[in-house]
Amino acid sequence: MRIREHVVLTIVMVALWLGRDELINLLAFSIGSILIDIDHPLDFFIIYHRPTFSITELSKLLEGRKNVFLPFHSMEVILSVLLYAVCTTNHFLGFMAVGMMFHFTVDIITNGYPTFLSIFLTYRLTKWRDMFRFKTQ
């Protein structure tokens, strides 16, 4: 799903939630839901060895690719943020983790993942490790 669609879905969720919770929690949800995509430029750099923040280039990156890194799009990272939020009773991080999980769930439903295990970063790092080796000239 494209970033524009994630933003629209996040706005819809926040609008439905408005008045039921504090605005700071809705902001945290929005941050988690949208900024999780910051890992796309990292993937682009790993694959093409150059930086970009072009939405067009980043969108084309995922077309037809099964092997992606996307560290924030993983159960381990999201659950770690959630666990830390629970252990420290940090509501802001808790709502941010819920936003990340919302985004990740929407991605799984709309984009799919090659296998169930590929939702785990540790699986991707071991299965697709050749992708992360930088080539020297």
Protein backbone atom coordinates (compact mmCIF):
# COMPACT_ATOMS: atom_id res chain seq x y z
CA MET A 1 0.00 0.00 0.00
CA ARG A 2 1.27 3.46 -0.83
CA ILE A 3 2.09 6.07 1.80
CA ARG A 4 -0.81 8.26 0.64
CA GLU A 5 -3.24 5.42 1.35
CA HIS A 6 -1.67 4.79 4.76
CA VAL A 7 -2.10 8.47 5.63
CA VAL A 8 -5.77 8.41 4.57
CA LEU A 9 -6.47 5.23 6.58
CA THR A 10 -4.71 6.70 9.60
CA ILE A 11 -6.81 9.88 9.35
CA VAL A 12 -9.98 7.75 9.15
CA MET A 13 -8.94 5.73 12.22
CA VAL A 14 -8.10 8.89 14.19
CA ALA A 15 -11.41 10.50 13.14
CA LEU A 16 -13.33 7.44 14.37
CA TRP A 17 -11.33 7.51 17.62
CA LEU A 18 -11.60 11.28 18.14
CA GLY A 19 -13.25 12.22 21.40
CA ARG A 20 -12.64 8.80 22.91
CA ASP A 21 -9.03 9.40 23.88
CA GLU A 22 -6.54 12.17 24.49
CA LEU A 23 -5.13 13.95 21.44
CA ILE A 24 -1.55 13.04 22.40
CA ASN A 25 -2.45 9.34 22.11
CA LEU A 26 -3.99 9.92 18.70
CA LEU A 27 -0.83 11.72 17.66
CA ALA A 28 1.27 8.78 18.88
CA PHE A 29 -0.92 6.36 16.91
CA SER A 30 -0.51 8.54 13.80
CA ILE A 31 3.27 8.74 14.20
CA GLY A 32 3.54 4.97 14.57
CA SER A 33 1.23 4.32 11.65
CA ILE A 34 2.96 6.66 9.20
CA LEU A 35 6.61 6.92 10.25
CA ILE A 36 7.06 3.15 10.25
CA ASP A 37 7.73 3.62 6.52
CA ILE A 38 11.03 5.37 7.26
CA ASP A 39 12.67 1.98 6.72
CA HIS A 40 11.92 2.10 2.98
CA PRO A 41 14.79 4.54 2.26
CA LEU A 42 17.07 2.20 4.22
CA ASP A 43 16.07 -0.73 2.00
CA PHE A 44 16.62 1.38 -1.10
CA PHE A 45 20.13 2.23 0.08
CA ILE A 46 20.95 -1.43 0.80
CA ILE A 47 19.78 -2.53 -2.64
CA TYR A 48 20.96 0.35 -4.84
CA HIS A 49 23.85 1.71 -2.73
CA ARG A 50 22.58 5.27 -2.93
CA PRO A 51 20.11 7.28 -0.84
CA THR A 52 16.71 8.49 -2.00
CA PHE A 53 13.60 9.98 -0.50
CA SER A 54 11.69 10.00 -3.80
CA ILE A 55 8.25 8.47 -3.25
CA THR A 56 8.28 7.22 -6.86
CA GLU A 57 11.62 5.44 -6.49
CA LEU A 58 10.68 4.01 -3.12
CA SER A 59 7.36 2.72 -4.49
CA LYS A 60 9.09 1.06 -7.43
CA LEU A 61 11.51 -0.59 -5.01
CA LEU A 62 8.89 -3.00 -3.71
CA GLU A 63 7.23 -3.83 -7.04
CA GLY A 64 7.95 -7.46 -7.78
CA ARG A 65 10.44 -7.86 -4.90
CA LYS A 66 9.96 -10.68 -2.44
CA ASN A 67 13.12 -10.04 -0.42
CA VAL A 68 13.00 -6.82 1.54
CA PHE A 69 14.65 -5.78 4.79
CA LEU A 70 12.18 -3.22 6.23
CA PRO A 71 13.26 -3.61 9.87
CA PHE A 72 10.36 -1.62 11.35
CA HIS A 73 7.88 -3.80 9.45
CA SER A 74 8.55 -6.77 11.71
CA MET A 75 6.93 -8.46 14.67
CA GLU A 76 10.10 -8.26 16.76
CA VAL A 77 10.44 -4.48 16.51
CA ILE A 78 6.75 -3.75 17.02
CA LEU A 79 6.44 -6.14 19.95
CA SER A 80 9.66 -4.74 21.47
CA VAL A 81 8.24 -1.21 21.35
CA LEU A 82 4.96 -2.47 22.85
CA LEU A 83 6.74 -4.44 25.60
CA TYR A 84 8.91 -1.45 26.49
CA ALA A 85 5.81 0.76 26.61
CA VAL A 86 4.03 -1.67 28.92
CA CYS A 87 7.05 -2.13 31.21
CA THR A 88 7.60 1.62 31.53
CA THR A 89 3.88 2.51 31.43
CA ASN A 90 4.64 4.88 28.56
CA HIS A 91 1.25 5.49 26.92
CA PHE A 92 2.74 7.48 24.05
CA LEU A 93 4.97 4.55 22.99
CA GLY A 94 2.09 2.14 23.55
CA PHE A 95 -0.15 4.04 21.15
CA MET A 96 2.77 4.37 18.75
CA ALA A 97 3.18 0.57 18.79
CA VAL A 98 -0.55 0.16 18.13
CA GLY A 99 -0.18 2.50 15.13
CA MET A 100 2.78 0.47 13.87
CA MET A 101 0.77 -2.75 14.25
CA PHE A 102 -2.17 -1.15 12.41
CA HIS A 103 0.12 -0.19 9.52
CA PHE A 104 1.79 -3.60 9.47
CA THR A 105 -1.56 -5.42 9.50
CA VAL A 106 -2.85 -3.31 6.60
CA ASP A 107 0.37 -4.10 4.69
CA ILE A 108 -0.02 -7.83 5.33
CA ILE A 109 -3.64 -7.76 4.13
CA THR A 110 -3.04 -5.60 1.04
CA ASN A 111 0.50 -6.56 0.00
CA GLY A 112 0.87 -10.02 1.44
CA TYR A 113 4.12 -11.57 2.59
CA PRO A 114 5.85 -14.50 0.86
CA THR A 115 5.51 -16.74 3.92
CA PHE A 116 4.17 -16.41 7.44
CA LEU A 117 7.72 -16.46 8.80
CA SER A 118 8.70 -13.48 6.67
CA ILE A 119 6.84 -11.17 9.06
CA PHE A 120 9.79 -11.79 11.40
CA LEU A 121 12.96 -9.76 10.88
CA THR A 122 15.15 -12.57 12.19
CA TYR A 123 13.80 -14.88 9.49
CA ARG A 124 14.46 -12.29 6.78
CA LEU A 125 18.00 -11.68 8.02
CA THR A 126 18.88 -15.38 7.94
CA LYS A 127 16.93 -16.41 4.84
CA TRP A 128 17.87 -13.43 2.67
CA ARG A 129 21.29 -12.63 4.16
CA ASP A 130 23.01 -12.43 0.74
CA MET A 131 20.91 -9.34 0.01
CA PHE A 132 22.63 -7.48 2.83
CA ARG A 133 26.21 -8.07 1.72
CA PHE A 134 27.74 -4.95 0.26
CA LYS A 135 29.66 -5.60 -2.91
CA THR A 136 33.16 -4.19 -3.05
CA GLN A 137 34.73 -3.23 -6.32
